[in-house]
Amino acid sequence: MAGHLLLAVLSFLVYFHAAYSVITAQQMLGAVAQFSSDFTWPRIEQIAAEINYTGFTPDGMSTLPTRGSAVLSPTTSTVIGRVDVTNSYEGRELNTEYIFGLFASVGNINTTRLLGVPGNATITELAINPPIISFSSLRSFDWGPVTIPIQTDVWFLFDNASGLIAQYDITFRRLEWAWDYIKPFLQPQLEQELGSLAGKCKDVDGLMHLRAAIDICQQHEVYCTGSLQQYNSTQACLDFVYNQTPMGKVYEWGGDTAMCRYIHKGMIPYRPQVHCPHIGPSGGGMCIKRNYINETTQNLYPIPFLPLALG
């Protein structure tokens, strides 16, 4: 009996060590450097077209252990991520689309872009406790008329078996301030390209709202056809997005707003069957009304971003 118990304990310790001690700090630093390089234009466009970022854990392949009440079990099977101002995402394809495809979609448009195109970044703060790494960076974002730095705070948790990102949590710091800062730079360009339509807008917020509505509905007209159609006509789309739906504050970019639909319209060319509903009246489960308490207390991650001693 004692021998069986000893064998069980040794087996557990071997598994525990393997689960938590495979990936090194150096490997994690390399992954962060690669991600930082990949999240720049035009590299993001190449990754988005593949819908398969190789830095994320493949669906069904992760062996990251979850902390249960008594033992550790390898149950995590997909990458899970959250961006504070938008939403949470599960699966390698969806995360690739929303991290890379979202910003790639605005890199080539010939109208005023309401999202900046990411450029180079400088890491300013970093801490490692394998398999967790946390860092802040200052990255340039280009809106056309203006380029500004934005600070992002990032948490990565790695799958030890594959050495790839299994979980992430990203916060854009002071984004609401940045949003207000860029508006005066975009206003002249918006007024020029919207022409006589600009007269129906009382301020720059209205101009941005109209720009978003036009871009969303043009995308709908091209890609959301047949069974994917969300609106009876382009005019019906414009009426809903511009007249019936608020543009949304920065913290509402994942809510039932025009800006949420503007964000999601960028992914439609990659997988219209998945993303057309997101720009429709229902929001397709993405652009929907959200509750502050629920969003704040949501238990999203299988593994907490905590050292083993606290987890």
Foldseek 3Di string as FASTA:
>chain_A
DVVVVVVVVVVQVVVVCLFFPQDDPVLVVVLVVVVLVCLAPPNLVVLLLVLADPQFQAAQRFQRWFDDPPGTGRDQGWAWEAEQLAGIDTHSSGVSCQRRLLLNLPPPDPAFDLWFGWHHKDWDDWDDDPPKIKTKIWIWTHRPLDIDTWIKIKMFGARSVVSHTRYMYIYTPPVLVVSVVCQVSCVVRLCVVCPPVCVVAPDSLLSVQQVLQLVLLVLLVVQQDDPSRQAPDSVRSSCCQRVVFAQDRSSLCQAQHSNVSSSLSSSCVNPVVQRSCCSHNCNNVGHHHDDPVCVVPPPRDSHDSDRPVVD
